[in-house]
């Protein structure tokens, strides 16, 4: 027993982030081999791709799924190899589920520098995936992605995410002391990634997606980010702690959200019952819906690095919000939702709306259950009001 503890302690001394960091190239082969025999992953794949065979001959279905995984990852020996396979699927997803994908602002950022991209959060997996695809197209290195441990309920999901350069954000630590230690470890890892490894990071501006379409930064995240420098240098200047991380706000806009009805259901339940009960595999279903669903046009806008002239976490949060909201692209879907609610008619840019836009919007709205429609419309209308400074923030 002591030998095991000694080995664990030695590992955490030489690799203090071993339990949260993305996998290294040297770990890829073992992880892929483990995935190819993970019964839960194989069962999930067979239910999705071979439902009848999975029901009548589960063992054969699992064998076929295992071989398919091995075939798919043949020749993959590094994280980059793995991400190149993902890029192929990303290209297909953009081609089949979006009308256009536009990127702006990236050309103003130094390709030799590492940045902490902090963005609004609408889709669990696609927000960072679109950032990565934009970087890949510009021949830049992809980001390390912050992902909450609440999404990692299955070992195979954790393996897949860490293969794709995700690192784990603690949300389930119990007790104040455990939470503080976990956030100190996370803060140190993020600082190390930017300042020592020179490796960019993406993280969301707050915990969870903006279900109501209101993008706002949580100042507690900024406090966490500066924790590592504060621990290392007692006399640290807050603005310098922010500047060394090279925070760049990123704004992503979807013309249509494939998860809009599910989000409307959650908002409805919270408003009418005071709580929302999430089903066991809801996050996984949201990820699949986001990838496969129709998104219309998508825009990704990179902002400018936040400098040393910041004095408090609230100031930094305010500047991130200013850039995110300023860079957010309003589509006809947003204006049509505001029009349907009968609010602020002067904000509806009618000249930008075509007959086809109206028909598409009407068809989507008709598929939304009556009780959920006000909440569905709010998701799309709120960004118009937010951008115009007409949103009452509680």
Protein backbone atom coordinates (compact mmCIF):
# COMPACT_ATOMS: atom_id res chain seq x y z
CA UNK A 1 0.00 0.00 0.00
CA UNK A 2 2.81 2.43 0.89
CA UNK A 3 4.62 1.63 -2.37
CA UNK A 4 1.51 2.68 -4.32
CA UNK A 5 1.27 5.96 -2.35
CA UNK A 6 4.98 6.65 -2.89
CA UNK A 7 4.55 6.13 -6.65
CA UNK A 8 1.53 8.43 -6.72
CA UNK A 9 3.36 11.12 -4.73
CA UNK A 10 6.39 10.86 -7.03
CA UNK A 11 4.13 11.24 -10.07
CA UNK A 12 2.38 14.34 -8.70
CA UNK A 13 5.76 15.88 -7.76
CA UNK A 14 7.19 15.46 -11.26
CA UNK A 15 3.83 16.02 -12.97
CA UNK A 16 1.69 18.15 -10.62
CA UNK A 17 -1.20 18.32 -13.10
CA UNK A 18 -1.28 14.62 -14.05
CA UNK A 19 -4.92 14.19 -12.98
CA UNK A 20 -6.29 17.25 -14.81
CA UNK A 21 -4.07 17.96 -17.83
CA UNK A 22 -4.61 16.77 -21.43
CA UNK A 23 -2.89 13.55 -22.43
CA UNK A 24 0.66 13.68 -23.76
CA UNK A 25 1.78 12.00 -27.00
CA UNK A 26 3.46 9.22 -24.98
CA UNK A 27 0.06 8.28 -23.49
CA UNK A 28 -1.95 8.20 -26.74
CA UNK A 29 -1.36 4.53 -27.71
CA UNK A 30 -2.44 3.19 -24.29
CA UNK A 31 -5.53 5.41 -24.17
CA UNK A 32 -6.65 4.39 -27.68
CA UNK A 33 -6.16 0.71 -26.82
CA UNK A 34 -8.24 1.22 -23.65
CA UNK A 35 -11.03 2.95 -25.61
CA UNK A 36 -11.18 0.10 -28.15
CA UNK A 37 -12.10 -2.31 -25.34
CA UNK A 38 -14.21 0.02 -23.17
CA UNK A 39 -17.55 -1.81 -22.91
CA UNK A 40 -19.56 1.35 -22.12
CA UNK A 41 -18.20 3.16 -25.18
CA UNK A 42 -18.76 0.07 -27.35
CA UNK A 43 -22.34 -0.26 -26.08
CA UNK A 44 -23.00 3.45 -26.74
CA UNK A 45 -21.62 3.15 -30.29
CA UNK A 46 -23.59 0.01 -31.08
CA UNK A 47 -26.86 1.50 -29.75
CA UNK A 48 -26.29 4.46 -32.05
CA UNK A 49 -24.95 2.73 -35.19
CA UNK A 50 -26.10 -0.91 -34.90
CA UNK A 51 -29.28 -0.81 -32.79
CA UNK A 52 -30.84 -4.09 -33.99
CA UNK A 53 -27.63 -6.09 -33.77
CA UNK A 54 -26.91 -4.56 -30.34
CA UNK A 55 -30.28 -5.84 -29.13
CA UNK A 56 -30.08 -9.40 -30.51
CA UNK A 57 -26.32 -10.09 -30.61
CA UNK A 58 -24.63 -7.58 -28.26
CA UNK A 59 -21.32 -9.43 -28.13
CA UNK A 60 -20.93 -9.43 -31.93
CA UNK A 61 -22.00 -5.77 -32.10
CA UNK A 62 -19.33 -4.85 -29.53
CA UNK A 63 -16.67 -6.75 -31.47
CA UNK A 64 -17.58 -4.90 -34.67
CA UNK A 65 -17.52 -1.55 -32.84
CA UNK A 66 -14.11 -2.34 -31.34
CA UNK A 67 -12.71 -3.17 -34.78
CA UNK A 68 -14.20 0.02 -36.19
CA UNK A 69 -12.43 2.09 -33.50
CA UNK A 70 -9.13 0.31 -34.16
CA UNK A 71 -9.52 0.92 -37.90
CA UNK A 72 -10.41 4.59 -37.36
CA UNK A 73 -7.36 5.33 -35.18
CA UNK A 74 -4.85 3.22 -37.13
CA UNK A 75 -1.70 5.26 -37.54
CA UNK A 76 -2.65 7.71 -34.76
CA UNK A 77 0.41 8.00 -32.51
CA UNK A 78 0.13 11.59 -31.25
CA UNK A 79 -2.44 14.12 -30.08
CA UNK A 80 -1.94 16.03 -33.32
CA UNK A 81 -2.71 12.87 -35.34
CA UNK A 82 -5.91 12.44 -33.31
CA UNK A 83 -6.94 16.05 -33.91
CA UNK A 84 -6.26 15.74 -37.64
CA UNK A 85 -8.83 12.91 -37.72
CA UNK A 86 -11.29 15.20 -35.88
CA UNK A 87 -10.62 17.99 -38.42
CA UNK A 88 -12.02 15.75 -41.18
CA UNK A 89 -15.28 15.30 -39.26
CA UNK A 90 -15.33 19.02 -38.40
CA UNK A 91 -15.10 19.92 -42.08
CA UNK A 92 -17.98 17.57 -42.87
CA UNK A 93 -20.06 18.99 -39.99
CA UNK A 94 -19.51 22.58 -41.18
CA UNK A 95 -20.38 21.57 -44.76
CA UNK A 96 -23.59 19.74 -43.84
CA UNK A 97 -25.01 21.68 -40.85
CA UNK A 98 -23.99 25.32 -41.41
CA UNK A 99 -24.70 27.82 -44.21
CA UNK A 100 -21.43 29.69 -43.56
CA UNK A 101 -18.62 29.88 -41.03
CA UNK A 102 -16.89 33.27 -40.81
CA UNK A 103 -13.86 34.21 -38.71
CA UNK A 104 -12.55 37.69 -37.94
CA UNK A 105 -9.89 39.23 -35.69
CA UNK A 106 -7.52 36.24 -35.61
CA UNK A 107 -5.17 37.88 -38.14
CA UNK A 108 -4.57 40.71 -35.61
CA UNK A 109 -3.14 38.27 -33.04
CA UNK A 110 0.55 37.27 -32.96
CA UNK A 111 0.84 33.68 -34.32
CA UNK A 112 3.93 33.13 -32.11
CA UNK A 113 2.14 34.04 -28.87
CA UNK A 114 0.01 31.93 -26.51
CA UNK A 115 -3.36 33.41 -25.50
CA UNK A 116 -6.09 32.64 -23.00
CA UNK A 117 -9.20 32.81 -25.16
CA UNK A 118 -12.22 33.43 -22.96
CA UNK A 119 -15.55 33.28 -24.73
CA UNK A 120 -19.30 33.23 -24.53
CA UNK A 121 -20.72 29.73 -24.19
CA UNK A 122 -23.66 28.46 -26.25
CA UNK A 123 -22.71 24.88 -27.19
CA UNK A 124 -20.92 22.34 -24.97
CA UNK A 125 -18.46 21.02 -27.56
CA UNK A 126 -18.77 23.26 -30.62
CA UNK A 127 -17.73 26.62 -29.12
CA UNK A 128 -14.11 25.46 -28.56
CA UNK A 129 -14.28 23.20 -31.66
CA UNK A 130 -14.97 26.22 -33.90
CA UNK A 131 -12.07 28.10 -32.22
CA UNK A 132 -9.82 25.12 -32.92
CA UNK A 133 -10.98 24.86 -36.52
CA UNK A 134 -10.28 28.58 -37.08
CA UNK A 135 -6.77 28.11 -35.64
CA UNK A 136 -6.23 24.98 -37.74
CA UNK A 137 -7.27 26.82 -40.92
CA UNK A 138 -4.84 29.63 -40.08
CA UNK A 139 -2.05 27.04 -39.59
CA UNK A 140 -1.82 27.78 -35.86
CA UNK A 141 -1.65 25.36 -32.95
CA UNK A 142 -4.97 24.31 -31.39
CA UNK A 143 -5.97 25.24 -27.83
CA UNK A 144 -6.15 23.35 -24.59
CA UNK A 145 -9.82 23.31 -23.63
CA UNK A 146 -11.26 23.83 -20.13
CA UNK A 147 -14.04 21.31 -19.47
CA UNK A 148 -16.07 20.86 -16.29
CA UNK A 149 -15.83 17.53 -14.51
CA UNK A 150 -19.65 17.43 -14.41
CA UNK A 151 -19.48 16.43 -18.11
CA UNK A 152 -17.03 13.61 -17.43
CA UNK A 153 -19.27 11.04 -15.77
CA UNK A 154 -17.94 8.17 -17.91
CA UNK A 155 -14.24 7.17 -18.11
CA UNK A 156 -14.41 6.92 -21.93
CA UNK A 157 -15.74 10.51 -22.17
CA UNK A 158 -12.82 11.70 -20.00
CA UNK A 159 -10.37 9.79 -22.22
CA UNK A 160 -11.81 11.22 -25.44
CA UNK A 161 -11.82 14.78 -24.10
CA UNK A 162 -8.26 14.59 -22.74
CA UNK A 163 -7.06 13.14 -26.04
CA UNK A 164 -8.54 16.26 -27.65
CA UNK A 165 -6.40 18.52 -25.41
CA UNK A 166 -9.05 19.14 -22.75
CA UNK A 167 -8.09 19.76 -19.13
CA UNK A 168 -10.45 19.26 -16.21
CA UNK A 169 -12.14 22.08 -14.27
CA UNK A 170 -13.28 20.89 -10.82
CA UNK A 171 -16.95 21.42 -10.09
CA UNK A 172 -17.71 18.44 -7.88
CA UNK A 173 -15.07 18.90 -5.15
CA UNK A 174 -16.71 18.70 -1.73
CA UNK A 175 -16.03 21.29 0.95
CA UNK A 176 -14.38 24.74 0.86
CA UNK A 177 -10.85 23.49 1.47
CA UNK A 178 -11.02 20.87 -1.29
CA UNK A 179 -12.52 23.41 -3.69
CA UNK A 180 -9.83 25.98 -2.91
CA UNK A 181 -7.04 23.43 -3.45
CA UNK A 182 -8.61 22.33 -6.74
CA UNK A 183 -8.88 25.92 -8.01
CA UNK A 184 -5.29 26.68 -6.96
CA UNK A 185 -4.12 23.65 -8.96
CA UNK A 186 -6.24 24.75 -11.94
CA UNK A 187 -4.98 28.35 -11.78
CA UNK A 188 -1.35 27.16 -11.62
CA UNK A 189 -1.89 24.86 -14.61
CA UNK A 190 -3.43 27.63 -16.74
CA UNK A 191 -0.61 30.06 -15.85
CA UNK A 192 1.99 27.36 -16.59
CA UNK A 193 0.36 26.59 -19.96
CA UNK A 194 0.40 30.25 -21.09
CA UNK A 195 3.69 31.50 -19.61
CA UNK A 196 5.92 28.36 -19.64
CA UNK A 197 4.50 25.98 -22.25
CA UNK A 198 3.45 28.87 -24.52
CA UNK A 199 0.26 26.92 -25.27
CA UNK A 200 -3.07 28.71 -25.81
CA UNK A 201 -6.21 27.87 -23.83
CA UNK A 202 -9.96 28.25 -24.39
CA UNK A 203 -12.39 28.60 -21.52
CA UNK A 204 -15.96 29.82 -21.09
CA UNK A 205 -16.72 33.19 -19.50
CA UNK A 206 -18.91 31.51 -16.88
CA UNK A 207 -19.94 28.04 -15.71
CA UNK A 208 -22.57 26.52 -17.99
CA UNK A 209 -24.07 27.66 -21.28
CA UNK A 210 -26.01 30.94 -21.62
CA UNK A 211 -29.42 29.29 -21.92
CA UNK A 212 -31.28 32.62 -22.08
CA UNK A 213 -28.99 34.18 -24.68
CA UNK A 214 -27.44 36.62 -22.18
CA UNK A 215 -23.63 36.46 -22.25
CA UNK A 216 -22.05 37.64 -18.99
CA UNK A 217 -18.63 36.96 -17.47
CA UNK A 218 -18.40 35.66 -13.91
CA UNK A 219 -15.76 37.73 -12.02
CA UNK A 220 -15.03 34.65 -9.85
CA UNK A 221 -13.34 33.09 -12.91
CA UNK A 222 -10.99 36.09 -13.14
CA UNK A 223 -10.18 35.72 -9.42
CA UNK A 224 -9.34 32.05 -10.01
CA UNK A 225 -7.11 32.91 -13.00
CA UNK A 226 -4.99 35.35 -10.96
CA UNK A 227 -4.76 33.06 -7.92
CA UNK A 228 -1.53 31.35 -9.09
CA UNK A 229 0.45 34.59 -9.50
CA UNK A 230 -0.89 35.85 -6.17
CA UNK A 231 0.35 32.65 -4.49
CA UNK A 232 3.75 32.93 -6.21
CA UNK A 233 4.25 36.66 -5.64
CA UNK A 234 2.70 38.18 -2.53
CA UNK A 235 3.27 41.73 -3.80
CA UNK A 236 1.81 41.04 -7.23
CA UNK A 237 0.03 43.82 -9.14
CA UNK A 238 -3.43 42.68 -10.28
CA UNK A 239 -3.15 44.27 -13.75
CA UNK A 240 0.16 42.48 -14.38
CA UNK A 241 -1.36 39.14 -13.34
CA UNK A 242 -4.08 39.69 -15.94
CA UNK A 243 -1.71 40.93 -18.68
CA UNK A 244 0.69 37.96 -18.41
CA UNK A 245 -2.20 35.58 -19.23
CA UNK A 246 -2.93 37.48 -22.48
CA UNK A 247 -6.71 37.21 -22.12
CA UNK A 248 -8.48 37.56 -25.48
CA UNK A 249 -12.31 37.70 -25.47
CA UNK A 250 -13.91 35.54 -28.17
CA UNK A 251 -17.49 35.95 -29.38
CA UNK A 252 -19.35 33.14 -31.14
CA UNK A 253 -22.75 33.69 -32.78
CA UNK A 254 -25.07 30.99 -34.13
CA UNK A 255 -27.97 31.92 -36.39
CA UNK A 256 -29.82 28.90 -34.97
CA UNK A 257 -29.09 26.82 -31.90
CA UNK A 258 -29.76 23.08 -32.34
CA UNK A 259 -30.42 22.84 -28.57
CA UNK A 260 -32.84 25.80 -28.42
CA UNK A 261 -35.95 23.73 -27.55
CA UNK A 262 -34.14 21.82 -24.78
CA UNK A 263 -32.88 25.14 -23.36
CA UNK A 264 -36.43 26.58 -23.57
CA UNK A 265 -37.70 23.56 -21.63
CA UNK A 266 -35.15 24.19 -18.87
CA UNK A 267 -36.04 27.92 -18.70
CA UNK A 268 -39.78 27.03 -18.63
CA UNK A 269 -39.35 24.51 -15.80
CA UNK A 270 -37.25 26.93 -13.75
CA UNK A 271 -39.85 29.68 -14.20
CA UNK A 272 -42.92 27.52 -13.51
CA UNK A 273 -41.63 24.90 -11.04
CA UNK A 274 -38.55 26.56 -9.57
CA UNK A 275 -36.23 23.73 -10.60
CA UNK A 276 -35.13 21.65 -13.58
CA UNK A 277 -34.31 17.94 -13.43
CA UNK A 278 -31.57 17.06 -15.90
CA UNK A 279 -31.79 13.54 -17.31
CA UNK A 280 -28.83 11.16 -16.97
CA UNK A 281 -27.38 11.48 -20.49
CA UNK A 282 -28.72 14.95 -21.31
CA UNK A 283 -25.29 16.55 -21.73
CA UNK A 284 -24.22 13.81 -24.15
CA UNK A 285 -27.47 14.24 -26.10
CA UNK A 286 -26.87 18.01 -26.19
CA UNK A 287 -23.37 17.43 -27.60
CA UNK A 288 -24.76 15.14 -30.33
CA UNK A 289 -27.63 17.55 -31.12
CA UNK A 290 -25.20 20.47 -31.33
CA UNK A 291 -22.95 18.63 -33.78
CA UNK A 292 -25.69 17.19 -36.02
CA UNK A 293 -28.32 19.97 -35.87
CA UNK A 294 -28.84 22.85 -38.32
CA UNK A 295 -26.98 25.99 -37.23
CA UNK A 296 -27.49 28.35 -40.16
CA UNK A 297 -24.63 30.85 -40.24
CA UNK A 298 -21.92 30.88 -37.58
CA UNK A 299 -19.51 33.72 -36.82
CA UNK A 300 -16.42 33.64 -34.61
CA UNK A 301 -14.81 36.96 -33.65
CA UNK A 302 -11.49 37.21 -31.82
CA UNK A 303 -11.06 40.35 -29.72
CA UNK A 304 -7.96 42.18 -28.52
CA UNK A 305 -5.76 41.21 -25.52
CA UNK A 306 -6.71 42.77 -22.18
CA UNK A 307 -3.85 44.92 -20.84
CA UNK A 308 -2.37 45.89 -17.48
CA UNK A 309 -4.76 48.80 -16.85
CA UNK A 310 -7.26 46.61 -14.99
CA UNK A 311 -7.63 46.97 -11.22
CA UNK A 312 -10.31 44.43 -10.25
CA UNK A 313 -11.92 41.17 -11.43
CA UNK A 314 -15.15 43.11 -12.07
CA UNK A 315 -13.30 45.46 -14.43
CA UNK A 316 -11.85 42.54 -16.38
CA UNK A 317 -15.27 40.86 -16.54
CA UNK A 318 -16.76 44.12 -17.81
CA UNK A 319 -14.14 44.41 -20.57
CA UNK A 320 -14.69 40.79 -21.64
CA UNK A 321 -18.44 41.47 -21.79
CA UNK A 322 -17.89 44.64 -23.80
CA UNK A 323 -15.82 42.78 -26.42
CA UNK A 324 -18.05 39.69 -26.51
CA UNK A 325 -21.25 41.69 -26.92
CA UNK A 326 -19.58 44.13 -29.32
CA UNK A 327 -18.36 41.26 -31.49
CA UNK A 328 -21.62 39.30 -31.40
CA UNK A 329 -23.26 39.00 -34.83
CA UNK A 330 -27.02 39.53 -34.95
CA UNK A 331 -28.81 37.41 -37.56
CA UNK A 332 -32.40 37.65 -38.90
CA UNK A 333 -33.38 34.95 -36.35
CA UNK A 334 -32.56 37.38 -33.52
CA UNK A 335 -34.56 40.27 -34.99
CA UNK A 336 -37.52 38.02 -35.87
CA UNK A 337 -37.68 36.71 -32.30
CA UNK A 338 -37.77 40.26 -30.95
CA UNK A 339 -40.49 41.11 -33.47
CA UNK A 340 -42.53 38.03 -32.46
CA UNK A 341 -42.34 39.09 -28.79
CA UNK A 342 -43.62 42.54 -29.78
CA UNK A 343 -40.79 44.24 -27.91
CA UNK A 344 -38.60 47.21 -28.96
CA UNK A 345 -39.75 47.38 -32.62
CA UNK A 346 -37.22 50.14 -33.28
CA UNK A 347 -34.39 47.60 -32.75
CA UNK A 348 -35.65 45.22 -35.48
CA UNK A 349 -33.46 45.64 -38.59
CA UNK A 350 -36.21 44.75 -41.06
CA UNK A 351 -34.14 45.56 -44.15
CA UNK A 352 -31.76 42.70 -43.33
CA UNK A 353 -34.62 40.14 -43.22
CA UNK A 354 -35.61 38.28 -46.42
CA UNK A 355 -38.79 36.34 -47.13
CA UNK A 356 -36.78 33.10 -46.89
CA UNK A 357 -35.53 34.19 -43.44
CA UNK A 358 -39.13 34.68 -42.29
CA UNK A 359 -40.25 31.30 -43.66
CA UNK A 360 -37.34 29.46 -42.05
CA UNK A 361 -37.97 31.17 -38.71
CA UNK A 362 -41.70 30.48 -38.86
CA UNK A 363 -41.10 26.78 -39.64
CA UNK A 364 -38.76 26.41 -36.65
CA UNK A 365 -41.10 28.27 -34.30
CA UNK A 366 -44.05 26.07 -35.33
CA UNK A 367 -42.09 23.02 -34.14
CA UNK A 368 -41.72 24.50 -30.65
CA UNK A 369 -44.40 23.45 -28.12
CA UNK A 370 -46.73 26.36 -27.34
CA UNK A 371 -45.78 26.59 -23.64
CA UNK A 372 -42.07 26.85 -24.51
CA UNK A 373 -42.34 29.53 -27.20
CA UNK A 374 -41.83 32.62 -25.00
CA UNK A 375 -38.61 31.07 -23.62
CA UNK A 376 -37.47 29.94 -27.08
CA UNK A 377 -37.99 33.47 -28.45
CA UNK A 378 -36.15 35.08 -25.52
CA UNK A 379 -32.95 33.15 -26.33
CA UNK A 380 -32.82 34.81 -29.74
CA UNK A 381 -34.24 38.24 -28.76
CA UNK A 382 -32.02 38.89 -25.74
CA UNK A 383 -28.77 39.44 -27.72
CA UNK A 384 -30.46 42.26 -29.71
CA UNK A 385 -31.47 44.01 -26.48
CA UNK A 386 -28.09 43.30 -24.84
CA UNK A 387 -26.16 44.77 -27.78
CA UNK A 388 -28.38 47.87 -27.71
CA UNK A 389 -27.89 48.32 -23.95
CA UNK A 390 -31.59 47.70 -23.35
CA UNK A 391 -31.30 44.57 -21.23
CA UNK A 392 -32.15 44.78 -17.54
CA UNK A 393 -29.48 42.67 -15.84
CA UNK A 394 -30.44 41.40 -12.41
